[in-house]
PDB file of all heavy atoms in Angstrom:
ATOM      1  N   VAL A   1     112.650  77.927  40.707  1.00  0.00           N
ATOM      2  CA  VAL A   1     112.975  77.752  39.293  1.00  0.00           C
ATOM      3  C   VAL A   1     112.656  79.029  38.532  1.00  0.00           C
ATOM      4  O   VAL A   1     111.538  79.541  38.618  1.00  0.00           O
ATOM      5  CB  VAL A   1     112.198  76.575  38.664  1.00  0.00           C
ATOM      6  CG1 VAL A   1     112.525  76.450  37.171  1.00  0.00           C
ATOM      7  CG2 VAL A   1     112.515  75.271  39.372  1.00  0.00           C
ATOM      8  N   ALA A   2     113.635  79.532  37.812  1.00  0.00           N
ATOM      9  CA  ALA A   2     113.421  80.691  36.950  1.00  0.00           C
ATOM     10  C   ALA A   2     113.481  80.227  35.501  1.00  0.00           C
ATOM     11  O   ALA A   2     114.551  79.876  34.995  1.00  0.00           O
ATOM     12  CB  ALA A   2     114.477  81.760  37.206  1.00  0.00           C
ATOM     13  N   LEU A   3     112.325  80.171  34.850  1.00  0.00           N
ATOM     14  CA  LEU A   3     112.268  79.882  33.417  1.00  0.00           C
ATOM     15  C   LEU A   3     112.387  81.209  32.688  1.00  0.00           C
ATOM     16  O   LEU A   3     111.504  82.066  32.785  1.00  0.00           O
ATOM     17  CB  LEU A   3     110.947  79.194  33.050  1.00  0.00           C
ATOM     18  CG  LEU A   3     110.656  77.854  33.733  1.00  0.00           C
ATOM     19  CD1 LEU A   3     109.288  77.325  33.298  1.00  0.00           C
ATOM     20  CD2 LEU A   3     111.739  76.835  33.426  1.00  0.00           C
ATOM     21  N   ILE A   4     113.486  81.399  31.992  1.00  0.00           N
ATOM     22  CA  ILE A   4     113.741  82.693  31.354  1.00  0.00           C
ATOM     23  C   ILE A   4     113.947  82.510  29.858  1.00  0.00           C
ATOM     24  O   ILE A   4     114.097  81.382  29.364  1.00  0.00           O
ATOM     25  CB  ILE A   4     114.970  83.390  31.985  1.00  0.00           C
ATOM     26  CG1 ILE A   4     116.242  82.552  31.796  1.00  0.00           C
ATOM     27  CG2 ILE A   4     114.714  83.658  33.474  1.00  0.00           C
ATOM     28  CD1 ILE A   4     117.504  83.224  32.318  1.00  0.00           C
ATOM     29  N   GLU A   5     113.927  83.608  29.142  1.00  0.00           N
ATOM     30  CA  GLU A   5     114.155  83.566  27.702  1.00  0.00           C
ATOM     31  C   GLU A   5     115.609  83.177  27.414  1.00  0.00           C
ATOM     32  O   GLU A   5     116.490  83.353  28.267  1.00  0.00           O
ATOM     33  CB  GLU A   5     113.849  84.933  27.085  1.00  0.00           C
ATOM     34  CG  GLU A   5     112.369  85.300  27.115  1.00  0.00           C
ATOM     35  CD  GLU A   5     111.519  84.294  26.367  1.00  0.00           C
ATOM     36  OE1 GLU A   5     111.795  84.040  25.173  1.00  0.00           O
ATOM     37  OE2 GLU A   5     110.579  83.733  26.978  1.00  0.00           O
ATOM     38  N   PRO A   6     115.875  82.639  26.218  1.00  0.00           N
ATOM     39  CA  PRO A   6     117.267  82.313  25.872  1.00  0.00           C
ATOM     40  C   PRO A   6     118.178  83.517  26.085  1.00  0.00           C
ATOM     41  O   PRO A   6     117.786  84.662  25.830  1.00  0.00           O
ATOM     42  CB  PRO A   6     117.174  81.948  24.379  1.00  0.00           C
ATOM     43  CG  PRO A   6     115.781  81.436  24.211  1.00  0.00           C
ATOM     44  CD  PRO A   6     114.932  82.290  25.129  1.00  0.00           C
ATOM     45  N   LEU A   7     119.368  83.257  26.572  1.00  0.00           N
ATOM     46  CA  LEU A   7     120.306  84.320  26.916  1.00  0.00           C
ATOM     47  C   LEU A   7     121.231  84.629  25.761  1.00  0.00           C
ATOM     48  O   LEU A   7     121.647  83.730  25.022  1.00  0.00           O
ATOM     49  CB  LEU A   7     121.151  83.889  28.123  1.00  0.00           C
ATOM     50  CG  LEU A   7     120.397  83.644  29.427  1.00  0.00           C
ATOM     51  CD1 LEU A   7     121.329  83.046  30.472  1.00  0.00           C
ATOM     52  CD2 LEU A   7     119.776  84.934  29.949  1.00  0.00           C
ATOM     53  N   ASP A   8     121.571  85.900  25.617  1.00  0.00           N
ATOM     54  CA  ASP A   8     122.638  86.214  24.684  1.00  0.00           C
ATOM     55  C   ASP A   8     123.958  85.727  25.283  1.00  0.00           C
ATOM     56  O   ASP A   8     124.014  85.263  26.433  1.00  0.00           O
ATOM     57  CB  ASP A   8     122.678  87.707  24.337  1.00  0.00           C
ATOM     58  CG  ASP A   8     122.954  88.611  25.533  1.00  0.00           C
ATOM     59  OD1 ASP A   8     123.483  88.117  26.556  1.00  0.00           O
ATOM     60  OD2 ASP A   8     122.652  89.812  25.444  1.00  0.00           O
ATOM     61  N   TYR A   9     125.021  85.813  24.518  1.00  0.00           N
ATOM     62  CA  TYR A   9     126.259  85.168  24.948  1.00  0.00           C
ATOM     63  C   TYR A   9     126.858  85.788  26.212  1.00  0.00           C
ATOM     64  O   TYR A   9     127.293  85.056  27.111  1.00  0.00           O
ATOM     65  CB  TYR A   9     127.266  85.146  23.802  1.00  0.00           C
ATOM     66  CG  TYR A   9     128.409  84.178  24.038  1.00  0.00           C
ATOM     67  CD1 TYR A   9     128.185  82.915  24.571  1.00  0.00           C
ATOM     68  CD2 TYR A   9     129.716  84.530  23.731  1.00  0.00           C
ATOM     69  CE1 TYR A   9     129.223  82.030  24.799  1.00  0.00           C
ATOM     70  CE2 TYR A   9     130.764  83.644  23.943  1.00  0.00           C
ATOM     71  CZ  TYR A   9     130.510  82.396  24.482  1.00  0.00           C
ATOM     72  OH  TYR A   9     131.536  81.526  24.708  1.00  0.00           O
ATOM     73  N   PRO A  10     126.877  87.121  26.348  1.00  0.00           N
ATOM     74  CA  PRO A  10     127.410  87.683  27.599  1.00  0.00           C
ATOM     75  C   PRO A  10     126.638  87.205  28.828  1.00  0.00           C
ATOM     76  O   PRO A  10     127.231  86.902  29.860  1.00  0.00           O
ATOM     77  CB  PRO A  10     127.272  89.194  27.396  1.00  0.00           C
ATOM     78  CG  PRO A  10     127.310  89.372  25.926  1.00  0.00           C
ATOM     79  CD  PRO A  10     126.592  88.190  25.360  1.00  0.00           C
ATOM     80  N   HIS A  11     125.321  87.145  28.722  1.00  0.00           N
ATOM     81  CA  HIS A  11     124.535  86.689  29.869  1.00  0.00           C
ATOM     82  C   HIS A  11     124.728  85.192  30.114  1.00  0.00           C
ATOM     83  O   HIS A  11     124.699  84.741  31.264  1.00  0.00           O
ATOM     84  CB  HIS A  11     123.053  87.018  29.663  1.00  0.00           C
ATOM     85  CG  HIS A  11     122.719  88.447  29.905  1.00  0.00           C
ATOM     86  ND1 HIS A  11     122.695  89.388  28.900  1.00  0.00           N
ATOM     87  CD2 HIS A  11     122.437  89.112  31.059  1.00  0.00           C
ATOM     88  CE1 HIS A  11     122.391  90.570  29.424  1.00  0.00           C
ATOM     89  NE2 HIS A  11     122.238  90.434  30.716  1.00  0.00           N
ATOM     90  N   PHE A  12     124.925  84.419  29.055  1.00  0.00           N
ATOM     91  CA  PHE A  12     125.179  82.997  29.267  1.00  0.00           C
ATOM     92  C   PHE A  12     126.525  82.794  29.952  1.00  0.00           C
ATOM     93  O   PHE A  12     126.657  81.938  30.847  1.00  0.00           O
ATOM     94  CB  PHE A  12     125.135  82.219  27.959  1.00  0.00           C
ATOM     95  CG  PHE A  12     125.197  80.732  28.172  1.00  0.00           C
ATOM     96  CD1 PHE A  12     124.107  80.052  28.687  1.00  0.00           C
ATOM     97  CD2 PHE A  12     126.352  80.027  27.905  1.00  0.00           C
ATOM     98  CE1 PHE A  12     124.162  78.688  28.925  1.00  0.00           C
ATOM     99  CE2 PHE A  12     126.419  78.663  28.135  1.00  0.00           C
ATOM    100  CZ  PHE A  12     125.316  77.991  28.652  1.00  0.00           C
ATOM    101  N   ALA A  13     127.517  83.578  29.556  1.00  0.00           N
ATOM    102  CA  ALA A  13     128.812  83.506  30.239  1.00  0.00           C
ATOM    103  C   ALA A  13     128.651  83.875  31.714  1.00  0.00           C
ATOM    104  O   ALA A  13     129.290  83.274  32.591  1.00  0.00           O
ATOM    105  CB  ALA A  13     129.816  84.432  29.554  1.00  0.00           C
ATOM    106  N   ARG A  14     127.783  84.841  31.997  1.00  0.00           N
ATOM    107  CA  ARG A  14     127.518  85.220  33.393  1.00  0.00           C
ATOM    108  C   ARG A  14     126.835  84.079  34.146  1.00  0.00           C
ATOM    109  O   ARG A  14     127.170  83.803  35.306  1.00  0.00           O
ATOM    110  CB  ARG A  14     126.646  86.481  33.448  1.00  0.00           C
ATOM    111  CG  ARG A  14     126.280  86.937  34.859  1.00  0.00           C
ATOM    112  CD  ARG A  14     127.505  87.296  35.673  1.00  0.00           C
ATOM    113  NE  ARG A  14     127.144  87.674  37.050  1.00  0.00           N
ATOM    114  CZ  ARG A  14     128.014  87.789  38.034  1.00  0.00           C
ATOM    115  NH1 ARG A  14     129.299  87.563  37.818  1.00  0.00           N
ATOM    116  NH2 ARG A  14     127.613  88.137  39.234  1.00  0.00           N
ATOM    117  N   LEU A  15     125.896  83.383  33.490  1.00  0.00           N
ATOM    118  CA  LEU A  15     125.247  82.244  34.133  1.00  0.00           C
ATOM    119  C   LEU A  15     126.266  81.160  34.476  1.00  0.00           C
ATOM    120  O   LEU A  15     126.240  80.597  35.580  1.00  0.00           O
ATOM    121  CB  LEU A  15     124.153  81.672  33.221  1.00  0.00           C
ATOM    122  CG  LEU A  15     123.451  80.412  33.745  1.00  0.00           C
ATOM    123  CD1 LEU A  15     122.797  80.657  35.096  1.00  0.00           C
ATOM    124  CD2 LEU A  15     122.415  79.916  32.730  1.00  0.00           C
ATOM    125  N   LEU A  16     127.167  80.873  33.544  1.00  0.00           N
ATOM    126  CA  LEU A  16     128.221  79.904  33.834  1.00  0.00           C
ATOM    127  C   LEU A  16     129.041  80.339  35.048  1.00  0.00           C
ATOM    128  O   LEU A  16     129.437  79.517  35.884  1.00  0.00           O
ATOM    129  CB  LEU A  16     129.143  79.738  32.627  1.00  0.00           C
ATOM    130  CG  LEU A  16     128.603  79.002  31.407  1.00  0.00           C
ATOM    131  CD1 LEU A  16     129.634  79.039  30.284  1.00  0.00           C
ATOM    132  CD2 LEU A  16     128.237  77.561  31.735  1.00  0.00           C
ATOM    133  N   ASP A  17     129.282  81.632  35.148  1.00  0.00           N
ATOM    134  CA  ASP A  17     130.121  82.162  36.224  1.00  0.00           C
ATOM    135  C   ASP A  17     129.460  82.008  37.594  1.00  0.00           C
ATOM    136  O   ASP A  17     130.123  81.664  38.580  1.00  0.00           O
ATOM    137  CB  ASP A  17     130.424  83.635  35.935  1.00  0.00           C
ATOM    138  CG  ASP A  17     131.533  84.186  36.812  1.00  0.00           C
ATOM    139  OD1 ASP A  17     132.490  83.445  37.090  1.00  0.00           O
ATOM    140  OD2 ASP A  17     131.436  85.350  37.224  1.00  0.00           O
ATOM    141  N   ILE A  18     128.144  82.245  37.647  1.00  0.00           N
ATOM    142  CA  ILE A  18     127.466  82.223  38.948  1.00  0.00           C
ATOM    143  C   ILE A  18     126.929  80.839  39.308  1.00  0.00           C
ATOM    144  O   ILE A  18     126.538  80.603  40.449  1.00  0.00           O
ATOM    145  CB  ILE A  18     126.304  83.249  39.010  1.00  0.00           C
ATOM    146  CG1 ILE A  18     125.207  82.893  38.001  1.00  0.00           C
ATOM    147  CG2 ILE A  18     126.837  84.667  38.801  1.00  0.00           C
ATOM    148  CD1 ILE A  18     123.986  83.810  38.085  1.00  0.00           C
ATOM    149  N   ALA A  19     126.924  79.908  38.350  1.00  0.00           N
ATOM    150  CA  ALA A  19     126.369  78.583  38.603  1.00  0.00           C
ATOM    151  C   ALA A  19     127.304  77.746  39.476  1.00  0.00           C
ATOM    152  O   ALA A  19     128.528  77.837  39.350  1.00  0.00           O
ATOM    153  CB  ALA A  19     126.107  77.858  37.285  1.00  0.00           C
ATOM    154  N   HIS A  20     126.711  76.930  40.327  1.00  0.00           N
ATOM    155  CA  HIS A  20     127.468  75.959  41.117  1.00  0.00           C
ATOM    156  C   HIS A  20     127.789  74.737  40.260  1.00  0.00           C
ATOM    157  O   HIS A  20     128.879  74.171  40.345  1.00  0.00           O
ATOM    158  CB  HIS A  20     126.636  75.559  42.343  1.00  0.00           C
ATOM    159  CG  HIS A  20     127.343  74.668  43.310  1.00  0.00           C
ATOM    160  ND1 HIS A  20     128.415  75.098  44.071  1.00  0.00           N
ATOM    161  CD2 HIS A  20     127.153  73.360  43.642  1.00  0.00           C
ATOM    162  CE1 HIS A  20     128.835  74.097  44.834  1.00  0.00           C
ATOM    163  NE2 HIS A  20     128.089  73.033  44.588  1.00  0.00           N
ATOM    164  N   LEU A  21     126.843  74.370  39.425  1.00  0.00           N
ATOM    165  CA  LEU A  21     127.040  73.285  38.467  1.00  0.00           C
ATOM    166  C   LEU A  21     126.064  73.481  37.320  1.00  0.00           C
ATOM    167  O   LEU A  21     125.141  74.296  37.406  1.00  0.00           O
ATOM    168  CB  LEU A  21     126.852  71.913  39.134  1.00  0.00           C
ATOM    169  CG  LEU A  21     125.480  71.578  39.723  1.00  0.00           C
ATOM    170  CD1 LEU A  21     124.612  70.805  38.734  1.00  0.00           C
ATOM    171  CD2 LEU A  21     125.624  70.755  40.994  1.00  0.00           C
ATOM    172  N   MET A  22     126.285  72.720  36.229  1.00  0.00           N
ATOM    173  CA  MET A  22     125.430  72.830  35.044  1.00  0.00           C
ATOM    174  C   MET A  22     124.780  71.488  34.735  1.00  0.00           C
ATOM    175  O   MET A  22     125.430  70.445  34.755  1.00  0.00           O
ATOM    176  CB  MET A  22     126.254  73.278  33.832  1.00  0.00           C
ATOM    177  CG  MET A  22     126.790  74.698  33.907  1.00  0.00           C
ATOM    178  SD  MET A  22     125.514  75.990  33.930  1.00  0.00           S
ATOM    179  CE  MET A  22     124.724  75.741  32.328  1.00  0.00           C
ATOM    180  N   LEU A  23     123.480  71.539  34.454  1.00  0.00           N
ATOM    181  CA  LEU A  23     122.746  70.408  33.896  1.00  0.00           C
ATOM    182  C   LEU A  23     122.464  70.731  32.437  1.00  0.00           C
ATOM    183  O   LEU A  23     121.903  71.796  32.148  1.00  0.00           O
ATOM    184  CB  LEU A  23     121.409  70.210  34.624  1.00  0.00           C
ATOM    185  CG  LEU A  23     121.419  69.590  36.005  1.00  0.00           C
ATOM    186  CD1 LEU A  23     120.008  69.632  36.601  1.00  0.00           C
ATOM    187  CD2 LEU A  23     121.898  68.152  35.945  1.00  0.00           C
ATOM    188  N   THR A  24     122.820  69.831  31.522  1.00  0.00           N
ATOM    189  CA  THR A  24     122.693  70.204  30.118  1.00  0.00           C
ATOM    190  C   THR A  24     122.613  68.983  29.228  1.00  0.00           C
ATOM    191  O   THR A  24     123.069  67.895  29.606  1.00  0.00           O
ATOM    192  CB  THR A  24     123.898  71.069  29.686  1.00  0.00           C
ATOM    193  OG1 THR A  24     123.666  71.586  28.380  1.00  0.00           O
ATOM    194  CG2 THR A  24     125.195  70.257  29.676  1.00  0.00           C
ATOM    195  N   ASP A  25     122.019  69.146  28.047  1.00  0.00           N
ATOM    196  CA  ASP A  25     122.183  68.162  26.979  1.00  0.00           C
ATOM    197  C   ASP A  25     122.907  68.799  25.796  1.00  0.00           C
ATOM    198  O   ASP A  25     122.966  68.245  24.711  1.00  0.00           O
ATOM    199  CB  ASP A  25     120.847  67.538  26.557  1.00  0.00           C
ATOM    200  CG  ASP A  25     119.829  68.545  26.028  1.00  0.00           C
ATOM    201  OD1 ASP A  25     120.206  69.704  25.773  1.00  0.00           O
ATOM    202  OD2 ASP A  25     118.652  68.162  25.867  1.00  0.00           O
ATOM    203  N   SER A  26     123.462  69.974  26.024  1.00  0.00           N
ATOM    204  CA  SER A  26     124.199  70.703  24.986  1.00  0.00           C
ATOM    205  C   SER A  26     125.628  70.197  24.862  1.00  0.00           C
ATOM    206  O   SER A  26     126.227  69.748  25.844  1.00  0.00           O
ATOM    207  CB  SER A  26     124.218  72.201  25.322  1.00  0.00           C
ATOM    208  OG  SER A  26     125.204  72.880  24.588  1.00  0.00           O
ATOM    209  N   GLY A  27     126.170  70.312  23.656  1.00  0.00           N
ATOM    210  CA  GLY A  27     127.570  69.975  23.461  1.00  0.00           C
ATOM    211  C   GLY A  27     128.494  71.066  23.966  1.00  0.00           C
ATOM    212  O   GLY A  27     129.447  70.813  24.703  1.00  0.00           O
ATOM    213  N   GLY A  28     128.201  72.313  23.600  1.00  0.00           N
ATOM    214  CA  GLY A  28     129.084  73.415  23.928  1.00  0.00           C
ATOM    215  C   GLY A  28     129.284  73.607  25.417  1.00  0.00           C
ATOM    216  O   GLY A  28     130.391  73.908  25.873  1.00  0.00           O
ATOM    217  N   VAL A  29     128.232  73.426  26.197  1.00  0.00           N
ATOM    218  CA  VAL A  29     128.341  73.631  27.645  1.00  0.00           C
ATOM    219  C   VAL A  29     129.332  72.646  28.257  1.00  0.00           C
ATOM    220  O   VAL A  29     130.010  72.966  29.239  1.00  0.00           O
ATOM    221  CB  VAL A  29     126.958  73.507  28.319  1.00  0.00           C
ATOM    222  CG1 VAL A  29     127.073  73.638  29.838  1.00  0.00           C
ATOM    223  CG2 VAL A  29     126.015  74.580  27.783  1.00  0.00           C
ATOM    224  N   GLN A  30     129.441  71.454  27.665  1.00  0.00           N
ATOM    225  CA  GLN A  30     130.397  70.465  28.163  1.00  0.00           C
ATOM    226  C   GLN A  30     131.836  70.977  28.028  1.00  0.00           C
ATOM    227  O   GLN A  30     132.732  70.535  28.737  1.00  0.00           O
ATOM    228  CB  GLN A  30     130.254  69.153  27.403  1.00  0.00           C
ATOM    229  CG  GLN A  30     128.913  68.478  27.591  1.00  0.00           C
ATOM    230  CD  GLN A  30     128.767  67.248  26.717  1.00  0.00           C
ATOM    231  OE1 GLN A  30     129.618  66.371  26.717  1.00  0.00           O
ATOM    232  NE2 GLN A  30     127.697  67.198  25.946  1.00  0.00           N
ATOM    233  N   GLU A  31     132.048  71.905  27.105  1.00  0.00           N
ATOM    234  CA  GLU A  31     133.375  72.484  26.889  1.00  0.00           C
ATOM    235  C   GLU A  31     133.560  73.772  27.684  1.00  0.00           C
ATOM    236  O   GLU A  31     134.630  74.024  28.232  1.00  0.00           O
ATOM    237  CB  GLU A  31     133.562  72.786  25.404  1.00  0.00           C
ATOM    238  CG  GLU A  31     133.417  71.581  24.509  1.00  0.00           C
ATOM    239  CD  GLU A  31     132.952  71.940  23.109  1.00  0.00           C
ATOM    240  OE1 GLU A  31     132.549  73.087  22.865  1.00  0.00           O
ATOM    241  OE2 GLU A  31     132.979  71.044  22.260  1.00  0.00           O
ATOM    242  N   GLU A  32     132.492  74.595  27.729  1.00  0.00           N
ATOM    243  CA  GLU A  32     132.601  75.923  28.325  1.00  0.00           C
ATOM    244  C   GLU A  32     132.664  75.889  29.846  1.00  0.00           C
ATOM    245  O   GLU A  32     133.505  76.556  30.461  1.00  0.00           O
ATOM    246  CB  GLU A  32     131.404  76.779  27.876  1.00  0.00           C
ATOM    247  CG  GLU A  32     131.408  77.090  26.390  1.00  0.00           C
ATOM    248  CD  GLU A  32     130.057  77.577  25.912  1.00  0.00           C
ATOM    249  OE1 GLU A  32     129.036  76.939  26.237  1.00  0.00           O
ATOM    250  OE2 GLU A  32     130.011  78.580  25.194  1.00  0.00           O
ATOM    251  N   ALA A  33     131.755  75.132  30.459  1.00  0.00           N
ATOM    252  CA  ALA A  33     131.675  75.136  31.916  1.00  0.00           C
ATOM    253  C   ALA A  33     132.990  74.709  32.582  1.00  0.00           C
ATOM    254  O   ALA A  33     133.418  75.344  33.551  1.00  0.00           O
ATOM    255  CB  ALA A  33     130.514  74.253  32.381  1.00  0.00           C
ATOM    256  N   PRO A  34     133.668  73.659  32.086  1.00  0.00           N
ATOM    257  CA  PRO A  34     134.934  73.289  32.726  1.00  0.00           C
ATOM    258  C   PRO A  34     135.993  74.378  32.655  1.00  0.00           C
ATOM    259  O   PRO A  34     136.884  74.426  33.508  1.00  0.00           O
ATOM    260  CB  PRO A  34     135.372  72.042  31.942  1.00  0.00           C
ATOM    261  CG  PRO A  34     134.102  71.463  31.410  1.00  0.00           C
ATOM    262  CD  PRO A  34     133.255  72.654  31.085  1.00  0.00           C
ATOM    263  N   ALA A  35     135.904  75.251  31.634  1.00  0.00           N
ATOM    264  CA  ALA A  35     136.870  76.345  31.549  1.00  0.00           C
ATOM    265  C   ALA A  35     136.734  77.295  32.730  1.00  0.00           C
ATOM    266  O   ALA A  35     137.676  78.014  33.070  1.00  0.00           O
ATOM    267  CB  ALA A  35     136.682  77.111  30.234  1.00  0.00           C
ATOM    268  N   LEU A  36     135.553  77.275  33.374  1.00  0.00           N
ATOM    269  CA  LEU A  36     135.313  78.103  34.562  1.00  0.00           C
ATOM    270  C   LEU A  36     135.237  77.265  35.830  1.00  0.00           C
ATOM    271  O   LEU A  36     134.806  77.746  36.881  1.00  0.00           O
ATOM    272  CB  LEU A  36     134.012  78.900  34.374  1.00  0.00           C
ATOM    273  CG  LEU A  36     134.000  79.876  33.189  1.00  0.00           C
ATOM    274  CD1 LEU A  36     132.654  80.589  33.099  1.00  0.00           C
ATOM    275  CD2 LEU A  36     135.122  80.890  33.286  1.00  0.00           C
ATOM    276  N   GLY A  37     135.640  75.989  35.731  1.00  0.00           N
ATOM    277  CA  GLY A  37     135.675  75.132  36.905  1.00  0.00           C
ATOM    278  C   GLY A  37     134.318  74.672  37.393  1.00  0.00           C
ATOM    279  O   GLY A  37     134.153  74.397  38.592  1.00  0.00           O
ATOM    280  N   LYS A  38     133.349  74.549  36.487  1.00  0.00           N
ATOM    281  CA  LYS A  38     132.000  74.149  36.883  1.00  0.00           C
ATOM    282  C   LYS A  38     131.695  72.728  36.398  1.00  0.00           C
ATOM    283  O   LYS A  38     131.781  72.446  35.189  1.00  0.00           O
ATOM    284  CB  LYS A  38     130.967  75.127  36.306  1.00  0.00           C
ATOM    285  CG  LYS A  38     131.209  76.583  36.677  1.00  0.00           C
ATOM    286  CD  LYS A  38     131.297  76.786  38.197  1.00  0.00           C
ATOM    287  CE  LYS A  38     131.815  78.153  38.587  1.00  0.00           C
ATOM    288  NZ  LYS A  38     130.829  79.205  38.450  1.00  0.00           N
ATOM    289  N   PRO A  39     131.348  71.812  37.319  1.00  0.00           N
ATOM    290  CA  PRO A  39     130.988  70.454  36.912  1.00  0.00           C
ATOM    291  C   PRO A  39     129.775  70.444  35.981  1.00  0.00           C
ATOM    292  O   PRO A  39     128.884  71.301  36.088  1.00  0.00           O
ATOM    293  CB  PRO A  39     130.649  69.770  38.238  1.00  0.00           C
ATOM    294  CG  PRO A  39     131.336  70.576  39.282  1.00  0.00           C
ATOM    295  CD  PRO A  39     131.313  71.989  38.780  1.00  0.00           C
ATOM    296  N   VAL A  40     129.744  69.451  35.096  1.00  0.00           N
ATOM    297  CA  VAL A  40     128.656  69.332  34.124  1.00  0.00           C
ATOM    298  C   VAL A  40     128.052  67.933  34.217  1.00  0.00           C
ATOM    299  O   VAL A  40     128.764  66.928  34.104  1.00  0.00           O
ATOM    300  CB  VAL A  40     129.163  69.550  32.686  1.00  0.00           C
ATOM    301  CG1 VAL A  40     127.991  69.522  31.707  1.00  0.00           C
ATOM    302  CG2 VAL A  40     129.920  70.861  32.562  1.00  0.00           C
ATOM    303  N   LEU A  41     126.736  67.873  34.400  1.00  0.00           N
ATOM    304  CA  LEU A  41     126.005  66.617  34.293  1.00  0.00           C
ATOM    305  C   LEU A  41     125.287  66.625  32.949  1.00  0.00           C
ATOM    306  O   LEU A  41     124.482  67.522  32.672  1.00  0.00           O
ATOM    307  CB  LEU A  41     125.006  66.470  35.445  1.00  0.00           C
ATOM    308  CG  LEU A  41     125.637  66.353  36.835  1.00  0.00           C
ATOM    309  CD1 LEU A  41     124.550  66.220  37.906  1.00  0.00           C
ATOM    310  CD2 LEU A  41     126.617  65.179  36.920  1.00  0.00           C
ATOM    311  N   VAL A  42     125.624  65.649  32.120  1.00  0.00           N
ATOM    312  CA  VAL A  42     125.170  65.624  30.725  1.00  0.00           C
ATOM    313  C   VAL A  42     123.949  64.714  30.604  1.00  0.00           C
ATOM    314  O   VAL A  42     124.055  63.498  30.793  1.00  0.00           O
ATOM    315  CB  VAL A  42     126.299  65.136  29.795  1.00  0.00           C
ATOM    316  CG1 VAL A  42     125.844  65.205  28.343  1.00  0.00           C
ATOM    317  CG2 VAL A  42     127.562  65.960  30.003  1.00  0.00           C
ATOM    318  N   MET A  43     122.823  65.304  30.282  1.00  0.00           N
ATOM    319  CA  MET A  43     121.558  64.574  30.220  1.00  0.00           C
ATOM    320  C   MET A  43     121.357  63.967  28.830  1.00  0.00           C
ATOM    321  O   MET A  43     120.446  64.301  28.083  1.00  0.00           O
ATOM    322  CB  MET A  43     120.405  65.504  30.600  1.00  0.00           C
ATOM    323  CG  MET A  43     120.530  66.051  32.014  1.00  0.00           C
ATOM    324  SD  MET A  43     119.183  67.151  32.500  1.00  0.00           S
ATOM    325  CE  MET A  43     119.434  68.525  31.350  1.00  0.00           C
ATOM    326  N   ARG A  44     122.271  63.064  28.512  1.00  0.00           N
ATOM    327  CA  ARG A  44     122.233  62.346  27.235  1.00  0.00           C
ATOM    328  C   ARG A  44     122.752  60.933  27.483  1.00  0.00           C
ATOM    329  O   ARG A  44     123.441  60.688  28.469  1.00  0.00           O
ATOM    330  CB  ARG A  44     123.115  63.053  26.196  1.00  0.00           C
ATOM    331  CG  ARG A  44     122.543  64.375  25.717  1.00  0.00           C
ATOM    332  CD  ARG A  44     123.554  65.212  24.973  1.00  0.00           C
ATOM    333  NE  ARG A  44     124.109  64.526  23.815  1.00  0.00           N
ATOM    334  CZ  ARG A  44     125.014  65.072  23.001  1.00  0.00           C
ATOM    335  NH1 ARG A  44     125.451  66.296  23.231  1.00  0.00           N
ATOM    336  NH2 ARG A  44     125.481  64.410  21.965  1.00  0.00           N
ATOM    337  N   GLU A  45     122.420  60.047  26.559  1.00  0.00           N
ATOM    338  CA  GLU A  45     122.874  58.660  26.676  1.00  0.00           C
ATOM    339  C   GLU A  45     124.308  58.495  26.178  1.00  0.00           C
ATOM    340  O   GLU A  45     125.026  57.589  26.605  1.00  0.00           O
ATOM    341  CB  GLU A  45     121.937  57.728  25.890  1.00  0.00           C
ATOM    342  CG  GLU A  45     120.475  57.810  26.312  1.00  0.00           C
ATOM    343  CD  GLU A  45     120.258  57.523  27.781  1.00  0.00           C
ATOM    344  OE1 GLU A  45     120.995  56.691  28.341  1.00  0.00           O
ATOM    345  OE2 GLU A  45     119.348  58.147  28.372  1.00  0.00           O
ATOM    346  N   THR A  46     124.705  59.351  25.241  1.00  0.00           N
ATOM    347  CA  THR A  46     126.051  59.295  24.673  1.00  0.00           C
ATOM    348  C   THR A  46     126.581  60.715  24.555  1.00  0.00           C
ATOM    349  O   THR A  46     125.826  61.679  24.595  1.00  0.00           O
ATOM    350  CB  THR A  46     126.057  58.659  23.265  1.00  0.00           C
ATOM    351  OG1 THR A  46     125.242  59.472  22.392  1.00  0.00           O
ATOM    352  CG2 THR A  46     125.522  57.243  23.287  1.00  0.00           C
TER     353      THR A  46
END
């Protein structure tokens, strides 16, 4: 596990690119990750 500081947008786009999948409770990631073909597991009830 790498706990790192919040990423600026270019680095976050890079994380999306290298990730196999995303775990998130964010709204935006639910939109961004699929644009790069990455499955998203949403850690929210709704």
